[in-house]
Amino acid sequence: MLKDITLGQYFPGTTLAHKLDPRTKILLVVLYIIALFCAKGLVTYAIMALCLAVCVRISKVGLKALVRGLKPVLFIIIFTGVLNLFFTPGDRYLVEWGILRISDTGIRNAVFMVVRIMLLIMGTFLMTYTTSPISLTDGLEQLLNGLKKFRVPVHELAMMMSIALRFIPTLIEETDKIMSAQKARGADFESGNIIQKAKALIPILVPLFISAFRRADELATAMECRCYHGGEGRTKLHVLQYQRRDWVALGAGTVITVGVIVLGRFGL
């Protein structure tokens, strides 16, 4: 299961999706999320799924990598679908069993909610797969640059986000090593009920937190040794510049979002 967590990983490439400006990809993801939450019917969800399929095809990341990233949140997806299935009121109930009732509206909402969550996760994962953490940090900092007038520490916030994304695969690898070591000592993480499984995780959490704090202290020491003191006065090796492909991608994303919003108002 730990190996299926792919958030924060970056797959290098030379495709159009990799070459897009990170600011463009962040804005496209924002438009994608807005369009997803404005989708109301089969037509609009089909448009969003088609857009994601085209982006996956262009990026050459592969659908398997995106589907594998859904496994850690599979329980949340199923739980959300079950809640919408049994607790959504409707005009016509198909099944009634005590307080649990399944209506035609509940089935529709459950299916659309599950599809929405899956498309949302895969779309955001695709951005991290095709954008390095450093580029993502630079893009986010440039987009939020106007908040510096209100004394918002934009550079520090972007740096923290980049470091968090960068260390997710590292912590996952560390957790896998700790679990393997505990299993070699006879620990059992699979048998028993939920409470017993939760108690069995304590021998993992303690060394994991110690390792995480140690890595944070080492990173802080390394940054101090390199005279890091924030973003003031810093220069960049690669200056971000919009190109024609970025404007075309933003224009296409805006048109699709507006189209989905309009179609969603008609319930399509």
Protein backbone atom coordinates (compact mmCIF):
# COMPACT_ATOMS: atom_id res chain seq x y z
CA MET A 1 0.00 0.00 0.00
CA LEU A 2 2.82 2.41 0.83
CA LYS A 3 4.36 1.92 -2.58
CA ASP A 4 1.07 3.02 -4.15
CA ILE A 5 1.35 6.52 -2.62
CA THR A 6 2.76 8.54 -5.50
CA LEU A 7 1.98 12.08 -4.31
CA GLY A 8 5.06 14.28 -4.57
CA GLN A 9 6.82 12.12 -7.13
CA TYR A 10 8.10 13.68 -10.33
CA PHE A 11 8.50 11.79 -13.61
CA PRO A 12 10.99 13.65 -15.84
CA GLY A 13 10.05 14.04 -19.48
CA THR A 14 10.14 16.27 -22.54
CA THR A 15 6.45 16.29 -23.40
CA LEU A 16 4.29 19.38 -23.85
CA ALA A 17 2.87 18.87 -20.36
CA HIS A 18 6.37 18.96 -18.87
CA LYS A 19 7.37 22.04 -20.88
CA LEU A 20 4.40 24.16 -19.79
CA ASP A 21 5.11 26.96 -17.37
CA PRO A 22 4.39 25.83 -13.76
CA ARG A 23 2.14 28.87 -13.30
CA THR A 24 0.11 27.71 -16.28
CA LYS A 25 -0.29 24.23 -14.82
CA ILE A 26 -1.33 25.59 -11.43
CA LEU A 27 -3.96 27.82 -13.04
CA LEU A 28 -5.16 24.96 -15.22
CA VAL A 29 -5.60 22.77 -12.14
CA VAL A 30 -7.62 25.55 -10.48
CA LEU A 31 -9.83 25.81 -13.57
CA TYR A 32 -10.10 22.01 -13.64
CA ILE A 33 -11.29 21.92 -10.03
CA ILE A 34 -13.82 24.70 -10.64
CA ALA A 35 -15.17 22.88 -13.68
CA LEU A 36 -15.41 19.60 -11.76
CA PHE A 37 -17.48 21.14 -9.00
CA CYS A 38 -19.72 22.84 -11.57
CA ALA A 39 -20.34 19.59 -13.46
CA LYS A 40 -23.89 18.40 -12.87
CA GLY A 41 -24.72 15.70 -15.38
CA LEU A 42 -23.42 12.99 -17.65
CA VAL A 43 -22.37 15.36 -20.44
CA THR A 44 -20.23 17.62 -18.25
CA TYR A 45 -18.58 14.70 -16.44
CA ALA A 46 -17.82 13.09 -19.79
CA ILE A 47 -16.16 16.34 -20.91
CA MET A 48 -14.00 16.42 -17.77
CA ALA A 49 -13.02 12.77 -18.16
CA LEU A 50 -12.12 13.41 -21.80
CA CYS A 51 -9.98 16.40 -20.82
CA LEU A 52 -8.11 14.30 -18.26
CA ALA A 53 -7.60 11.51 -20.79
CA VAL A 54 -6.15 13.98 -23.31
CA CYS A 55 -3.79 15.42 -20.67
CA VAL A 56 -2.66 11.94 -19.65
CA ARG A 57 -2.02 11.09 -23.28
CA ILE A 58 0.00 14.26 -23.82
CA SER A 59 2.05 13.84 -20.65
CA LYS A 60 2.83 10.15 -21.36
CA VAL A 61 2.73 9.47 -17.63
CA GLY A 62 0.44 6.52 -18.04
CA LEU A 63 -3.00 5.81 -16.65
CA LYS A 64 -1.64 3.02 -14.41
CA ALA A 65 0.38 5.51 -12.36
CA LEU A 66 -2.71 7.65 -11.75
CA VAL A 67 -4.90 4.67 -10.87
CA ARG A 68 -2.23 3.36 -8.51
CA GLY A 69 -2.32 6.70 -6.71
CA LEU A 70 -6.03 6.14 -5.94
CA LYS A 71 -5.42 3.01 -3.85
CA PRO A 72 -4.45 4.82 -0.60
CA VAL A 73 -7.69 6.85 -0.70
CA LEU A 74 -9.90 4.00 -1.89
CA PHE A 75 -11.59 3.74 1.51
CA ILE A 76 -12.47 7.44 1.48
CA ILE A 77 -13.90 7.13 -2.04
CA ILE A 78 -16.04 4.11 -1.11
CA PHE A 79 -17.15 5.69 2.18
CA THR A 80 -18.22 8.88 0.39
CA GLY A 81 -20.12 6.89 -2.20
CA VAL A 82 -21.94 4.85 0.47
CA LEU A 83 -22.96 7.98 2.39
CA ASN A 84 -24.40 9.56 -0.74
CA LEU A 85 -26.08 6.30 -1.72
CA PHE A 86 -27.96 5.66 1.52
CA PHE A 87 -28.53 9.13 2.93
CA THR A 88 -29.58 11.18 -0.09
CA PRO A 89 -33.34 11.88 -0.09
CA GLY A 90 -35.26 11.45 -3.30
CA ASP A 91 -38.71 11.29 -4.81
CA ARG A 92 -38.64 7.56 -5.53
CA TYR A 93 -37.05 4.99 -3.20
CA LEU A 94 -35.88 1.73 -4.74
CA VAL A 95 -34.79 -0.04 -1.53
CA GLU A 96 -35.89 0.65 2.07
CA TRP A 97 -34.30 -1.10 5.05
CA GLY A 98 -34.82 0.72 8.33
CA ILE A 99 -33.08 4.09 8.20
CA LEU A 100 -31.17 3.01 5.11
CA ARG A 101 -32.99 3.98 1.94
CA ILE A 102 -31.71 4.00 -1.61
CA SER A 103 -33.32 6.46 -3.97
CA ASP A 104 -32.78 7.14 -7.64
CA THR A 105 -31.26 10.50 -6.69
CA GLY A 106 -28.94 8.77 -4.21
CA ILE A 107 -27.58 6.42 -6.87
CA ARG A 108 -26.99 9.34 -9.21
CA ASN A 109 -25.24 11.44 -6.55
CA ALA A 110 -23.13 8.51 -5.36
CA VAL A 111 -21.87 7.72 -8.85
CA PHE A 112 -21.12 11.34 -9.70
CA MET A 113 -19.42 11.98 -6.34
CA VAL A 114 -17.14 8.97 -6.73
CA VAL A 115 -16.27 10.00 -10.27
CA ARG A 116 -15.64 13.58 -9.14
CA ILE A 117 -13.23 12.53 -6.39
CA MET A 118 -11.36 10.18 -8.71
CA LEU A 119 -11.01 12.80 -11.44
CA LEU A 120 -9.97 15.42 -8.87
CA ILE A 121 -7.22 13.26 -7.39
CA MET A 122 -5.91 12.08 -10.75
CA GLY A 123 -5.91 15.62 -12.16
CA THR A 124 -3.94 17.08 -9.25
CA PHE A 125 -1.54 14.12 -9.21
CA LEU A 126 -0.86 14.67 -12.90
CA MET A 127 0.43 18.16 -12.13
CA THR A 128 2.93 16.87 -9.56
CA TYR A 129 4.00 14.08 -11.91
CA THR A 130 4.93 16.55 -14.66
CA THR A 131 6.26 19.42 -12.52
CA SER A 132 9.38 19.31 -10.38
CA PRO A 133 9.02 20.58 -6.78
CA ILE A 134 11.39 23.48 -7.50
CA SER A 135 9.40 24.60 -10.54
CA LEU A 136 6.18 24.22 -8.60
CA THR A 137 7.57 26.41 -5.83
CA ASP A 138 8.70 29.11 -8.29
CA GLY A 139 5.34 29.10 -10.04
CA LEU A 140 3.34 29.34 -6.83
CA GLU A 141 5.57 32.13 -5.56
CA GLN A 142 5.14 34.11 -8.78
CA LEU A 143 1.35 33.70 -8.71
CA LEU A 144 1.15 34.87 -5.09
CA ASN A 145 3.71 37.63 -5.54
CA GLY A 146 1.07 40.34 -5.14
CA LEU A 147 0.38 39.25 -1.55
CA LYS A 148 3.82 40.49 -0.53
CA LYS A 149 2.33 43.99 -0.37
CA PHE A 150 0.23 42.75 2.55
CA ARG A 151 3.35 41.31 4.24
CA VAL A 152 2.40 37.72 3.50
CA PRO A 153 5.51 35.48 3.54
CA VAL A 154 4.92 34.14 0.04
CA HIS A 155 8.40 32.75 -0.48
CA GLU A 156 8.41 30.94 2.86
CA LEU A 157 4.96 29.43 2.21
CA ALA A 158 6.01 28.23 -1.24
CA MET A 159 9.24 26.81 0.18
CA MET A 160 7.37 24.90 2.90
CA MET A 161 5.01 23.42 0.32
CA SER A 162 7.94 22.37 -1.86
CA ILE A 163 9.76 20.76 1.06
CA ALA A 164 6.58 18.93 2.12
CA LEU A 165 6.06 17.53 -1.37
CA ARG A 166 9.73 16.63 -1.66
CA PHE A 167 9.80 14.63 1.58
CA ILE A 168 6.56 12.68 1.09
CA PRO A 169 8.31 9.92 -0.95
CA THR A 170 11.21 9.96 1.54
CA LEU A 171 8.91 9.47 4.53
CA ILE A 172 7.04 6.71 2.69
CA GLU A 173 10.32 4.93 2.01
CA GLU A 174 11.34 5.38 5.65
CA THR A 175 8.01 3.96 6.82
CA ASP A 176 8.42 0.94 4.58
CA LYS A 177 11.90 0.29 6.02
CA ILE A 178 10.61 0.57 9.61
CA MET A 179 7.72 -1.80 8.88
CA SER A 180 10.08 -4.33 7.30
CA ALA A 181 12.36 -4.12 10.33
CA GLN A 182 9.44 -4.56 12.73
CA LYS A 183 8.11 -7.53 10.75
CA ALA A 184 11.55 -9.13 10.92
CA ARG A 185 11.27 -8.84 14.73
CA GLY A 186 7.91 -10.61 14.71
CA ALA A 187 5.50 -7.67 14.56
CA ASP A 188 2.08 -8.38 13.05
CA PHE A 189 0.30 -5.51 11.29
CA GLU A 190 -2.41 -7.44 9.42
CA SER A 191 -4.27 -9.66 11.90
CA GLY A 192 -6.80 -8.49 14.49
CA ASN A 193 -9.55 -5.89 14.50
CA ILE A 194 -9.23 -2.19 13.74
CA ILE A 195 -8.22 -1.28 17.31
CA GLN A 196 -5.52 -3.95 17.40
CA LYS A 197 -4.18 -2.84 14.03
CA ALA A 198 -4.08 0.76 15.26
CA LYS A 199 -2.14 -0.28 18.39
CA ALA A 200 0.30 -2.22 16.20
CA LEU A 201 1.18 1.01 14.39
CA ILE A 202 2.63 2.60 17.55
CA PRO A 203 6.05 0.91 17.10
CA ILE A 204 6.12 2.47 13.62
CA LEU A 205 4.98 5.99 14.48
CA VAL A 206 7.54 6.60 17.22
CA PRO A 207 10.69 5.95 15.14
CA LEU A 208 9.04 7.62 12.14
CA PHE A 209 8.47 10.86 14.06
CA ILE A 210 12.01 10.72 15.42
CA SER A 211 13.37 10.25 11.90
CA ALA A 212 11.22 13.09 10.55
CA PHE A 213 12.39 15.51 13.25
CA ARG A 214 15.99 14.48 12.67
CA ARG A 215 15.67 15.11 8.93
CA ALA A 216 14.04 18.50 9.60
CA ASP A 217 16.89 19.47 11.92
CA GLU A 218 19.49 18.38 9.37
CA LEU A 219 17.72 20.34 6.63
CA ALA A 220 17.56 23.47 8.80
CA THR A 221 21.29 23.16 9.60
CA ALA A 222 22.13 22.71 5.92
CA MET A 223 20.11 25.80 4.97
CA GLU A 224 21.80 27.87 7.67
CA CYS A 225 25.25 26.71 6.52
CA ARG A 226 24.37 27.93 3.03
CA CYS A 227 23.36 31.33 4.45
CA TYR A 228 19.71 30.95 3.54
CA HIS A 229 17.68 33.87 4.88
CA GLY A 230 14.46 33.92 2.87
CA GLY A 231 13.57 35.08 -0.61
CA GLU A 232 14.71 38.70 -0.33
CA GLY A 233 17.51 39.46 -2.78
CA ARG A 234 17.58 35.95 -4.22
CA THR A 235 18.04 35.40 -7.95
CA LYS A 236 16.83 32.47 -10.04
CA LEU A 237 18.76 30.28 -12.43
CA HIS A 238 15.70 29.76 -14.64
CA VAL A 239 13.43 32.79 -14.99
CA LEU A 240 9.81 31.87 -15.73
CA GLN A 241 8.46 33.29 -18.97
CA TYR A 242 5.13 32.67 -20.64
CA GLN A 243 5.24 31.31 -24.16
CA ARG A 244 2.66 30.79 -26.85
CA ARG A 245 1.86 27.25 -25.72
CA ASP A 246 1.04 28.56 -22.23
CA TRP A 247 -1.45 31.11 -23.55
CA VAL A 248 -3.03 28.48 -25.79
CA ALA A 249 -3.37 26.04 -22.87
CA LEU A 250 -4.87 28.72 -20.61
CA GLY A 251 -7.29 29.77 -23.33
CA ALA A 252 -8.40 26.18 -23.93
CA GLY A 253 -8.80 25.57 -20.20
CA THR A 254 -10.86 28.75 -19.78
CA VAL A 255 -13.15 27.85 -22.69
CA ILE A 256 -13.72 24.34 -21.35
CA THR A 257 -14.42 25.64 -17.84
CA VAL A 258 -16.92 28.22 -19.07
CA GLY A 259 -18.57 25.57 -21.25
CA VAL A 260 -18.91 23.15 -18.34
CA ILE A 261 -20.35 25.90 -16.10
CA VAL A 262 -22.94 26.82 -18.73
CA LEU A 263 -23.89 23.19 -19.40
CA GLY A 264 -24.03 22.51 -15.66
CA ARG A 265 -26.66 25.21 -15.21
CA PHE A 266 -28.90 23.21 -17.52
CA GLY A 267 -28.21 20.03 -15.52
CA LEU A 268 -26.31 18.35 -18.36
